[in-house]
């Protein structure tokens, strides 16, 4: 059974739903604070699930070596990788930062072969490449570069730094995925997910502490917003748990590629619910993702 591959695709589906939900919630509250709150909710939910199973002690029984790897994967992926990506967005914008950062499945595939000894067929490597190209097409479908004199000079001045930061973010996300694989050899998937979410929640809450109370004030005034944030937390818990499952059963390279296919689900959802326009580039990008997924599943 393709447990790992299907888990990766399910993870991408939940990330897509989260993205659409975050898009709806973002105008009402700070995005960074929302990220922190959703991780807090997800961590509490997973802790509650472990408590109902009588497995909270399993968190304390995690061996120190895989525990360090799990925490390090969060610090590198969320703490450093996301920070580099946010800085890259400020310097070069989404049109250039996002496609470059989405090269992380390719970097993961190389690291997985070299460091973890994962055997990848030509079909799988071709599938990963198609997924990356497809995500690139989706990411740049609505981009329009401004060519005014002031904007162009500003772009040139920070372009190299922005591109380097984008690639640095991709490298961090790849390393985060690679660190996860050996940790899962001795830690249960749900325990590992709880450890990662707790670490992520702490990092993001510390970073966004001054902004988090504003989310609470908005939630107090708008019940629909409250349910939206709770849904975001549930979706985050499921998406991360499924991603960890995918890494365990499908390997780091396939998991990274499959989990990055969220545009495959996000594009139709956004078109239906948010009325976002569909362009030829967007549709072609989704087509490449579908072809890439087929190659990965076919192995």
C-alpha atoms as a PDB file:
ATOM      1  CA  UNK A   1       0.000   0.000   0.000  1.00  0.00           C
ATOM      2  CA  UNK A   2       1.088   3.532  -0.778  1.00  0.00           C
ATOM      3  CA  UNK A   3       0.619   4.762   2.803  1.00  0.00           C
ATOM      4  CA  UNK A   4       3.494   7.243   2.640  1.00  0.00           C
ATOM      5  CA  UNK A   5       2.567   8.640  -0.765  1.00  0.00           C
ATOM      6  CA  UNK A   6      -1.135   8.989   0.069  1.00  0.00           C
ATOM      7  CA  UNK A   7      -0.233  10.624   3.392  1.00  0.00           C
ATOM      8  CA  UNK A   8       1.924  13.144   1.512  1.00  0.00           C
ATOM      9  CA  UNK A   9      -0.934  14.009  -0.831  1.00  0.00           C
ATOM     10  CA  UNK A  10      -3.381  14.252   2.090  1.00  0.00           C
ATOM     11  CA  UNK A  11      -0.926  16.558   3.838  1.00  0.00           C
ATOM     12  CA  UNK A  12      -0.823  18.744   0.715  1.00  0.00           C
ATOM     13  CA  UNK A  13      -4.640  18.828   0.689  1.00  0.00           C
ATOM     14  CA  UNK A  14      -4.781  20.065   4.283  1.00  0.00           C
ATOM     15  CA  UNK A  15      -2.033  22.644   3.602  1.00  0.00           C
ATOM     16  CA  UNK A  16      -4.097  23.876   0.644  1.00  0.00           C
ATOM     17  CA  UNK A  17      -7.215  24.178   2.820  1.00  0.00           C
ATOM     18  CA  UNK A  18      -5.131  25.966   5.454  1.00  0.00           C
ATOM     19  CA  UNK A  19      -3.809  28.411   2.860  1.00  0.00           C
ATOM     20  CA  UNK A  20      -7.305  29.273   1.647  1.00  0.00           C
ATOM     21  CA  UNK A  21      -8.525  29.643   5.224  1.00  0.00           C
ATOM     22  CA  UNK A  22      -5.506  31.782   6.125  1.00  0.00           C
ATOM     23  CA  UNK A  23      -6.214  33.949   3.082  1.00  0.00           C
ATOM     24  CA  UNK A  24      -9.726  34.548   4.414  1.00  0.00           C
ATOM     25  CA  UNK A  25      -8.537  35.225   7.970  1.00  0.00           C
ATOM     26  CA  UNK A  26      -5.487  37.385   7.109  1.00  0.00           C
ATOM     27  CA  UNK A  27      -7.322  40.703   6.532  1.00  0.00           C
ATOM     28  CA  UNK A  28      -8.728  40.436  10.076  1.00  0.00           C
ATOM     29  CA  UNK A  29      -5.486  39.791  12.001  1.00  0.00           C
ATOM     30  CA  UNK A  30      -1.697  39.716  11.724  1.00  0.00           C
ATOM     31  CA  UNK A  31      -0.496  36.710   9.677  1.00  0.00           C
ATOM     32  CA  UNK A  32       2.525  35.943  11.890  1.00  0.00           C
ATOM     33  CA  UNK A  33       0.331  36.006  14.997  1.00  0.00           C
ATOM     34  CA  UNK A  34      -2.175  33.725  13.260  1.00  0.00           C
ATOM     35  CA  UNK A  35       0.648  31.292  12.492  1.00  0.00           C
ATOM     36  CA  UNK A  36       1.618  31.248  16.159  1.00  0.00           C
ATOM     37  CA  UNK A  37      -1.973  30.734  17.339  1.00  0.00           C
ATOM     38  CA  UNK A  38      -2.656  27.922  14.852  1.00  0.00           C
ATOM     39  CA  UNK A  39       0.460  26.058  16.023  1.00  0.00           C
ATOM     40  CA  UNK A  40      -0.583  26.537  19.657  1.00  0.00           C
ATOM     41  CA  UNK A  41      -4.047  25.131  18.921  1.00  0.00           C
ATOM     42  CA  UNK A  42      -2.571  22.223  16.955  1.00  0.00           C
ATOM     43  CA  UNK A  43      -0.127  21.430  19.770  1.00  0.00           C
ATOM     44  CA  UNK A  44      -2.927  21.470  22.374  1.00  0.00           C
ATOM     45  CA  UNK A  45      -5.072  19.196  20.189  1.00  0.00           C
ATOM     46  CA  UNK A  46      -2.289  16.666  19.799  1.00  0.00           C
ATOM     47  CA  UNK A  47      -1.492  16.773  23.499  1.00  0.00           C
ATOM     48  CA  UNK A  48      -5.186  16.154  24.179  1.00  0.00           C
ATOM     49  CA  UNK A  49      -5.220  13.190  21.793  1.00  0.00           C
ATOM     50  CA  UNK A  50      -2.159  11.699  23.488  1.00  0.00           C
ATOM     51  CA  UNK A  51      -3.752  12.281  26.912  1.00  0.00           C
ATOM     52  CA  UNK A  52      -6.923  10.436  25.863  1.00  0.00           C
ATOM     53  CA  UNK A  53      -4.732   7.522  24.792  1.00  0.00           C
ATOM     54  CA  UNK A  54      -2.831   7.648  28.070  1.00  0.00           C
ATOM     55  CA  UNK A  55       0.394   8.328  26.197  1.00  0.00           C
ATOM     56  CA  UNK A  56       1.516  11.706  27.564  1.00  0.00           C
ATOM     57  CA  UNK A  57       4.409   9.972  29.296  1.00  0.00           C
ATOM     58  CA  UNK A  58       5.647   8.950  25.868  1.00  0.00           C
ATOM     59  CA  UNK A  59       6.681  12.573  25.331  1.00  0.00           C
ATOM     60  CA  UNK A  60       8.985  12.384  28.329  1.00  0.00           C
ATOM     61  CA  UNK A  61      10.272   8.989  27.195  1.00  0.00           C
ATOM     62  CA  UNK A  62      11.563  10.285  23.836  1.00  0.00           C
ATOM     63  CA  UNK A  63      15.299   9.411  23.636  1.00  0.00           C
ATOM     64  CA  UNK A  64      17.478  12.507  23.656  1.00  0.00           C
ATOM     65  CA  UNK A  65      19.075  11.916  20.238  1.00  0.00           C
ATOM     66  CA  UNK A  66      15.844  11.725  18.182  1.00  0.00           C
ATOM     67  CA  UNK A  67      14.403  14.439  20.428  1.00  0.00           C
ATOM     68  CA  UNK A  68      17.261  16.756  19.466  1.00  0.00           C
ATOM     69  CA  UNK A  69      16.731  15.896  15.786  1.00  0.00           C
ATOM     70  CA  UNK A  70      12.999  16.663  16.013  1.00  0.00           C
ATOM     71  CA  UNK A  71      13.536  20.013  17.721  1.00  0.00           C
ATOM     72  CA  UNK A  72      16.402  20.874  15.366  1.00  0.00           C
ATOM     73  CA  UNK A  73      14.193  20.118  12.353  1.00  0.00           C
ATOM     74  CA  UNK A  74      11.659  22.673  13.623  1.00  0.00           C
ATOM     75  CA  UNK A  75      14.244  25.309  14.506  1.00  0.00           C
ATOM     76  CA  UNK A  76      15.918  24.966  11.109  1.00  0.00           C
ATOM     77  CA  UNK A  77      12.709  24.682   9.087  1.00  0.00           C
ATOM     78  CA  UNK A  78      10.370  27.068  10.912  1.00  0.00           C
ATOM     79  CA  UNK A  79      12.764  29.287  12.862  1.00  0.00           C
ATOM     80  CA  UNK A  80      15.493  29.829  10.249  1.00  0.00           C
ATOM     81  CA  UNK A  81      13.910  28.729   6.961  1.00  0.00           C
ATOM     82  CA  UNK A  82      10.690  30.706   7.309  1.00  0.00           C
ATOM     83  CA  UNK A  83      12.598  33.768   8.552  1.00  0.00           C
ATOM     84  CA  UNK A  84      14.900  33.695   5.504  1.00  0.00           C
ATOM     85  CA  UNK A  85      11.875  33.323   3.246  1.00  0.00           C
ATOM     86  CA  UNK A  86      10.053  36.284   4.814  1.00  0.00           C
ATOM     87  CA  UNK A  87      13.155  38.458   4.350  1.00  0.00           C
ATOM     88  CA  UNK A  88      13.447  37.298   0.729  1.00  0.00           C
ATOM     89  CA  UNK A  89       9.828  38.289   0.112  1.00  0.00           C
ATOM     90  CA  UNK A  90      10.611  41.819   1.271  1.00  0.00           C
ATOM     91  CA  UNK A  91      13.655  42.076  -1.013  1.00  0.00           C
ATOM     92  CA  UNK A  92      12.519  40.527  -4.293  1.00  0.00           C
ATOM     93  CA  UNK A  93       8.806  39.829  -3.868  1.00  0.00           C
ATOM     94  CA  UNK A  94       6.709  36.708  -4.282  1.00  0.00           C
ATOM     95  CA  UNK A  95       7.345  36.395  -8.046  1.00  0.00           C
ATOM     96  CA  UNK A  96      11.011  35.485  -7.523  1.00  0.00           C
ATOM     97  CA  UNK A  97      11.240  34.346  -3.909  1.00  0.00           C
ATOM     98  CA  UNK A  98       8.511  31.705  -3.961  1.00  0.00           C
ATOM     99  CA  UNK A  99       9.583  29.777  -7.096  1.00  0.00           C
ATOM    100  CA  UNK A 100      13.205  29.623  -5.924  1.00  0.00           C
ATOM    101  CA  UNK A 101      12.256  28.502  -2.433  1.00  0.00           C
ATOM    102  CA  UNK A 102      10.012  25.808  -3.921  1.00  0.00           C
ATOM    103  CA  UNK A 103      13.137  24.088  -5.271  1.00  0.00           C
ATOM    104  CA  UNK A 104      13.410  22.446  -1.857  1.00  0.00           C
ATOM    105  CA  UNK A 105      12.069  19.036  -3.007  1.00  0.00           C
ATOM    106  CA  UNK A 106      15.007  18.777  -5.426  1.00  0.00           C
ATOM    107  CA  UNK A 107      17.488  19.706  -2.697  1.00  0.00           C
ATOM    108  CA  UNK A 108      15.793  17.190  -0.397  1.00  0.00           C
ATOM    109  CA  UNK A 109      16.087  14.471  -3.049  1.00  0.00           C
ATOM    110  CA  UNK A 110      19.836  15.049  -3.438  1.00  0.00           C
ATOM    111  CA  UNK A 111      20.417  15.122   0.335  1.00  0.00           C
ATOM    112  CA  UNK A 112      18.252  12.017   0.809  1.00  0.00           C
ATOM    113  CA  UNK A 113      20.342  10.062  -1.692  1.00  0.00           C
ATOM    114  CA  UNK A 114      23.661  11.251  -0.272  1.00  0.00           C
ATOM    115  CA  UNK A 115      22.944  11.263   3.475  1.00  0.00           C
ATOM    116  CA  UNK A 116      20.125   8.742   3.924  1.00  0.00           C
ATOM    117  CA  UNK A 117      20.914   6.375   1.093  1.00  0.00           C
ATOM    118  CA  UNK A 118      17.413   6.625  -0.364  1.00  0.00           C
ATOM    119  CA  UNK A 119      17.224   4.949  -3.765  1.00  0.00           C
ATOM    120  CA  UNK A 120      15.285   7.033  -6.283  1.00  0.00           C
ATOM    121  CA  UNK A 121      14.369   5.825  -9.759  1.00  0.00           C
ATOM    122  CA  UNK A 122      14.566   8.022 -12.845  1.00  0.00           C
ATOM    123  CA  UNK A 123      10.760   8.103 -12.884  1.00  0.00           C
ATOM    124  CA  UNK A 124      10.658   9.421  -9.309  1.00  0.00           C
ATOM    125  CA  UNK A 125      13.335  12.036 -10.008  1.00  0.00           C
ATOM    126  CA  UNK A 126      11.442  13.079 -13.135  1.00  0.00           C
ATOM    127  CA  UNK A 127       8.245  13.304 -11.105  1.00  0.00           C
ATOM    128  CA  UNK A 128       9.927  15.503  -8.495  1.00  0.00           C
ATOM    129  CA  UNK A 129      11.225  17.802 -11.254  1.00  0.00           C
ATOM    130  CA  UNK A 130       7.756  18.065 -12.821  1.00  0.00           C
ATOM    131  CA  UNK A 131       6.235  18.893  -9.429  1.00  0.00           C
ATOM    132  CA  UNK A 132       8.805  21.673  -8.903  1.00  0.00           C
ATOM    133  CA  UNK A 133       8.143  23.090 -12.386  1.00  0.00           C
ATOM    134  CA  UNK A 134       4.410  22.872 -11.817  1.00  0.00           C
ATOM    135  CA  UNK A 135       4.625  24.684  -8.488  1.00  0.00           C
ATOM    136  CA  UNK A 136       6.783  27.326 -10.207  1.00  0.00           C
ATOM    137  CA  UNK A 137       4.086  27.804 -12.839  1.00  0.00           C
ATOM    138  CA  UNK A 138       1.351  28.146 -10.238  1.00  0.00           C
ATOM    139  CA  UNK A 139       3.434  30.487  -8.077  1.00  0.00           C
ATOM    140  CA  UNK A 140       4.138  32.864 -10.977  1.00  0.00           C
ATOM    141  CA  UNK A 141       0.739  32.614 -12.665  1.00  0.00           C
ATOM    142  CA  UNK A 142      -0.520  35.976 -11.398  1.00  0.00           C
ATOM    143  CA  UNK A 143       2.824  37.762 -10.957  1.00  0.00           C
ATOM    144  CA  UNK A 144       3.468  41.028 -12.716  1.00  0.00           C
ATOM    145  CA  UNK A 145       6.930  42.606 -12.466  1.00  0.00           C
ATOM    146  CA  UNK A 146       6.839  46.372 -12.153  1.00  0.00           C
ATOM    147  CA  UNK A 147       9.271  48.030 -14.500  1.00  0.00           C
ATOM    148  CA  UNK A 148       9.275  51.564 -13.168  1.00  0.00           C
ATOM    149  CA  UNK A 149      12.705  53.117 -12.748  1.00  0.00           C
ATOM    150  CA  UNK A 150      12.561  53.370  -8.969  1.00  0.00           C
ATOM    151  CA  UNK A 151      11.174  49.870  -8.521  1.00  0.00           C
ATOM    152  CA  UNK A 152      13.765  48.361 -10.891  1.00  0.00           C
ATOM    153  CA  UNK A 153      16.738  49.979  -9.152  1.00  0.00           C
ATOM    154  CA  UNK A 154      15.400  48.870  -5.777  1.00  0.00           C
ATOM    155  CA  UNK A 155      15.012  45.346  -7.145  1.00  0.00           C
ATOM    156  CA  UNK A 156      18.619  45.339  -8.437  1.00  0.00           C
ATOM    157  CA  UNK A 157      20.032  46.598  -5.154  1.00  0.00           C
ATOM    158  CA  UNK A 158      18.599  43.740  -3.119  1.00  0.00           C
ATOM    159  CA  UNK A 159      18.157  41.119  -5.842  1.00  0.00           C
ATOM    160  CA  UNK A 160      21.233  39.009  -5.150  1.00  0.00           C
ATOM    161  CA  UNK A 161      20.588  39.000  -1.411  1.00  0.00           C
ATOM    162  CA  UNK A 162      16.932  38.136  -1.948  1.00  0.00           C
ATOM    163  CA  UNK A 163      17.724  35.263  -4.319  1.00  0.00           C
ATOM    164  CA  UNK A 164      20.354  33.914  -1.920  1.00  0.00           C
ATOM    165  CA  UNK A 165      17.890  34.086   0.978  1.00  0.00           C
ATOM    166  CA  UNK A 166      15.268  32.234  -1.093  1.00  0.00           C
ATOM    167  CA  UNK A 167      17.702  29.418  -1.848  1.00  0.00           C
ATOM    168  CA  UNK A 168      18.799  29.457   1.792  1.00  0.00           C
ATOM    169  CA  UNK A 169      15.173  28.968   2.861  1.00  0.00           C
ATOM    170  CA  UNK A 170      14.843  26.023   0.454  1.00  0.00           C
ATOM    171  CA  UNK A 171      18.015  24.505   1.907  1.00  0.00           C
ATOM    172  CA  UNK A 172      16.711  24.907   5.462  1.00  0.00           C
ATOM    173  CA  UNK A 173      13.391  23.237   4.635  1.00  0.00           C
ATOM    174  CA  UNK A 174      15.240  20.386   2.938  1.00  0.00           C
ATOM    175  CA  UNK A 175      17.551  19.905   5.937  1.00  0.00           C
ATOM    176  CA  UNK A 176      14.534  19.979   8.245  1.00  0.00           C
ATOM    177  CA  UNK A 177      12.952  17.111   6.287  1.00  0.00           C
ATOM    178  CA  UNK A 178      16.213  15.124   6.248  1.00  0.00           C
ATOM    179  CA  UNK A 179      16.603  15.431  10.037  1.00  0.00           C
ATOM    180  CA  UNK A 180      13.137  14.000  10.523  1.00  0.00           C
ATOM    181  CA  UNK A 181      13.770  10.633   8.864  1.00  0.00           C
ATOM    182  CA  UNK A 182      16.317   9.160  11.338  1.00  0.00           C
ATOM    183  CA  UNK A 183      14.343  10.509  14.319  1.00  0.00           C
ATOM    184  CA  UNK A 184      11.269   8.536  13.212  1.00  0.00           C
ATOM    185  CA  UNK A 185      13.179   5.263  13.484  1.00  0.00           C
ATOM    186  CA  UNK A 186      12.718   5.297  17.269  1.00  0.00           C
ATOM    187  CA  UNK A 187       9.814   7.721  17.891  1.00  0.00           C
ATOM    188  CA  UNK A 188       6.099   7.136  17.229  1.00  0.00           C
ATOM    189  CA  UNK A 189       4.624   9.328  14.474  1.00  0.00           C
ATOM    190  CA  UNK A 190       2.078  11.082  16.722  1.00  0.00           C
ATOM    191  CA  UNK A 191       4.610  11.660  19.507  1.00  0.00           C
ATOM    192  CA  UNK A 192       7.085  13.037  16.970  1.00  0.00           C
ATOM    193  CA  UNK A 193       4.392  15.328  15.568  1.00  0.00           C
ATOM    194  CA  UNK A 194       3.538  16.582  19.058  1.00  0.00           C
ATOM    195  CA  UNK A 195       7.205  17.330  19.819  1.00  0.00           C
ATOM    196  CA  UNK A 196       7.576  19.254  16.554  1.00  0.00           C
ATOM    197  CA  UNK A 197       4.357  21.224  17.062  1.00  0.00           C
ATOM    198  CA  UNK A 198       5.217  22.146  20.647  1.00  0.00           C
ATOM    199  CA  UNK A 199       8.641  23.383  19.535  1.00  0.00           C
ATOM    200  CA  UNK A 200       7.123  25.302  16.595  1.00  0.00           C
ATOM    201  CA  UNK A 201       4.445  26.859  18.824  1.00  0.00           C
ATOM    202  CA  UNK A 202       7.063  28.025  21.336  1.00  0.00           C
ATOM    203  CA  UNK A 203       9.308  29.512  18.634  1.00  0.00           C
ATOM    204  CA  UNK A 204       6.479  31.320  16.834  1.00  0.00           C
ATOM    205  CA  UNK A 205       4.787  32.522  20.028  1.00  0.00           C
ATOM    206  CA  UNK A 206       8.017  34.008  21.331  1.00  0.00           C
ATOM    207  CA  UNK A 207       8.558  35.695  17.971  1.00  0.00           C
ATOM    208  CA  UNK A 208       5.016  37.045  17.694  1.00  0.00           C
ATOM    209  CA  UNK A 209       4.232  37.559  21.403  1.00  0.00           C
ATOM    210  CA  UNK A 210       3.291  41.281  21.126  1.00  0.00           C
ATOM    211  CA  UNK A 211       0.848  40.536  18.290  1.00  0.00           C
ATOM    212  CA  UNK A 212      -0.914  37.434  19.623  1.00  0.00           C
ATOM    213  CA  UNK A 213      -3.335  39.307  21.985  1.00  0.00           C
ATOM    214  CA  UNK A 214      -4.799  41.122  18.969  1.00  0.00           C
ATOM    215  CA  UNK A 215      -5.932  37.798  17.540  1.00  0.00           C
ATOM    216  CA  UNK A 216      -7.776  37.105  20.805  1.00  0.00           C
ATOM    217  CA  UNK A 217      -9.517  40.483  20.654  1.00  0.00           C
ATOM    218  CA  UNK A 218     -10.696  39.874  17.080  1.00  0.00           C
ATOM    219  CA  UNK A 219     -11.868  36.361  18.020  1.00  0.00           C
ATOM    220  CA  UNK A 220     -13.877  37.800  20.917  1.00  0.00           C
ATOM    221  CA  UNK A 221     -15.726  40.167  18.570  1.00  0.00           C
ATOM    222  CA  UNK A 222     -16.173  37.804  15.588  1.00  0.00           C
ATOM    223  CA  UNK A 223     -17.402  34.231  16.255  1.00  0.00           C
ATOM    224  CA  UNK A 224     -16.848  33.235  12.610  1.00  0.00           C
ATOM    225  CA  UNK A 225     -13.207  34.246  12.943  1.00  0.00           C
ATOM    226  CA  UNK A 226     -12.930  32.069  16.064  1.00  0.00           C
ATOM    227  CA  UNK A 227     -14.196  28.987  14.213  1.00  0.00           C
ATOM    228  CA  UNK A 228     -11.853  29.804  11.328  1.00  0.00           C
ATOM    229  CA  UNK A 229      -8.817  29.908  13.608  1.00  0.00           C
ATOM    230  CA  UNK A 230      -9.871  26.650  15.291  1.00  0.00           C
ATOM    231  CA  UNK A 231     -10.227  25.042  11.858  1.00  0.00           C
ATOM    232  CA  UNK A 232      -6.763  26.314  10.987  1.00  0.00           C
ATOM    233  CA  UNK A 233      -5.360  24.650  14.114  1.00  0.00           C
ATOM    234  CA  UNK A 234      -7.061  21.324  13.337  1.00  0.00           C
ATOM    235  CA  UNK A 235      -5.841  21.452   9.737  1.00  0.00           C
ATOM    236  CA  UNK A 236      -2.295  22.222  10.858  1.00  0.00           C
ATOM    237  CA  UNK A 237      -2.236  19.268  13.266  1.00  0.00           C
ATOM    238  CA  UNK A 238      -3.457  16.881  10.569  1.00  0.00           C
ATOM    239  CA  UNK A 239      -1.190  18.287   7.848  1.00  0.00           C
ATOM    240  CA  UNK A 240       1.959  17.980   9.972  1.00  0.00           C
ATOM    241  CA  UNK A 241       1.028  14.503  11.246  1.00  0.00           C
ATOM    242  CA  UNK A 242       0.415  13.299   7.695  1.00  0.00           C
ATOM    243  CA  UNK A 243       3.678  14.847   6.493  1.00  0.00           C
ATOM    244  CA  UNK A 244       5.633  13.069   9.232  1.00  0.00           C
ATOM    245  CA  UNK A 245       3.859   9.826   8.267  1.00  0.00           C
ATOM    246  CA  UNK A 246       4.832  10.409   4.648  1.00  0.00           C
ATOM    247  CA  UNK A 247       8.490  10.924   5.568  1.00  0.00           C
ATOM    248  CA  UNK A 248       8.435   7.688   7.569  1.00  0.00           C
ATOM    249  CA  UNK A 249       6.851   5.467   4.905  1.00  0.00           C
ATOM    250  CA  UNK A 250       7.710   7.157   1.584  1.00  0.00           C
ATOM    251  CA  UNK A 251      11.104   8.666   2.400  1.00  0.00           C
ATOM    252  CA  UNK A 252      12.247  12.264   2.713  1.00  0.00           C
ATOM    253  CA  UNK A 253      12.514  12.960  -1.035  1.00  0.00           C
ATOM    254  CA  UNK A 254       9.054  11.703  -2.009  1.00  0.00           C
ATOM    255  CA  UNK A 255       7.439  13.274   1.061  1.00  0.00           C
ATOM    256  CA  UNK A 256       8.932  16.692   0.255  1.00  0.00           C
ATOM    257  CA  UNK A 257       7.730  16.507  -3.347  1.00  0.00           C
ATOM    258  CA  UNK A 258       4.241  15.249  -2.559  1.00  0.00           C
ATOM    259  CA  UNK A 259       3.625  17.677   0.286  1.00  0.00           C
ATOM    260  CA  UNK A 260       4.583  20.574  -2.009  1.00  0.00           C
ATOM    261  CA  UNK A 261       1.708  19.719  -4.371  1.00  0.00           C
ATOM    262  CA  UNK A 262      -0.746  21.779  -2.340  1.00  0.00           C
ATOM    263  CA  UNK A 263      -1.446  24.055  -5.380  1.00  0.00           C
ATOM    264  CA  UNK A 264      -3.008  20.990  -7.016  1.00  0.00           C
ATOM    265  CA  UNK A 265      -5.797  21.250  -4.426  1.00  0.00           C
ATOM    266  CA  UNK A 266      -5.507  24.941  -3.560  1.00  0.00           C
ATOM    267  CA  UNK A 267      -6.117  26.260  -7.082  1.00  0.00           C
ATOM    268  CA  UNK A 268      -9.626  24.775  -7.551  1.00  0.00           C
ATOM    269  CA  UNK A 269     -10.568  25.517  -3.933  1.00  0.00           C
ATOM    270  CA  UNK A 270      -9.482  29.163  -4.297  1.00  0.00           C
ATOM    271  CA  UNK A 271     -11.254  29.441  -7.648  1.00  0.00           C
ATOM    272  CA  UNK A 272     -14.537  28.151  -6.200  1.00  0.00           C
ATOM    273  CA  UNK A 273     -14.519  29.772  -2.748  1.00  0.00           C
ATOM    274  CA  UNK A 274     -12.412  32.920  -3.255  1.00  0.00           C
ATOM    275  CA  UNK A 275     -13.327  33.511  -6.928  1.00  0.00           C
ATOM    276  CA  UNK A 276      -9.654  33.720  -7.918  1.00  0.00           C
ATOM    277  CA  UNK A 277      -9.163  33.738 -11.726  1.00  0.00           C
ATOM    278  CA  UNK A 278      -7.802  30.723 -13.618  1.00  0.00           C
ATOM    279  CA  UNK A 279      -5.103  31.473 -16.202  1.00  0.00           C
ATOM    280  CA  UNK A 280      -3.512  29.235 -18.834  1.00  0.00           C
ATOM    281  CA  UNK A 281      -0.204  29.306 -16.916  1.00  0.00           C
ATOM    282  CA  UNK A 282      -2.032  28.259 -13.750  1.00  0.00           C
ATOM    283  CA  UNK A 283      -3.762  25.347 -15.463  1.00  0.00           C
ATOM    284  CA  UNK A 284      -0.515  24.211 -17.118  1.00  0.00           C
ATOM    285  CA  UNK A 285       1.237  24.340 -13.754  1.00  0.00           C
ATOM    286  CA  UNK A 286      -1.431  22.142 -12.188  1.00  0.00           C
ATOM    287  CA  UNK A 287      -1.103  19.748 -15.143  1.00  0.00           C
ATOM    288  CA  UNK A 288       2.643  19.409 -14.546  1.00  0.00           C
ATOM    289  CA  UNK A 289       2.002  18.715 -10.850  1.00  0.00           C
ATOM    290  CA  UNK A 290      -0.495  15.983 -11.739  1.00  0.00           C
ATOM    291  CA  UNK A 291       2.007  14.381 -14.153  1.00  0.00           C
ATOM    292  CA  UNK A 292       4.744  14.594 -11.521  1.00  0.00           C
ATOM    293  CA  UNK A 293       2.561  12.981  -8.865  1.00  0.00           C
ATOM    294  CA  UNK A 294       1.680  10.171 -11.278  1.00  0.00           C
ATOM    295  CA  UNK A 295       5.373   9.450 -11.906  1.00  0.00           C
ATOM    296  CA  UNK A 296       6.153   9.486  -8.168  1.00  0.00           C
ATOM    297  CA  UNK A 297       3.284   7.127  -7.368  1.00  0.00           C
ATOM    298  CA  UNK A 298       4.228   4.862 -10.259  1.00  0.00           C
ATOM    299  CA  UNK A 299       7.828   4.726  -8.955  1.00  0.00           C
END
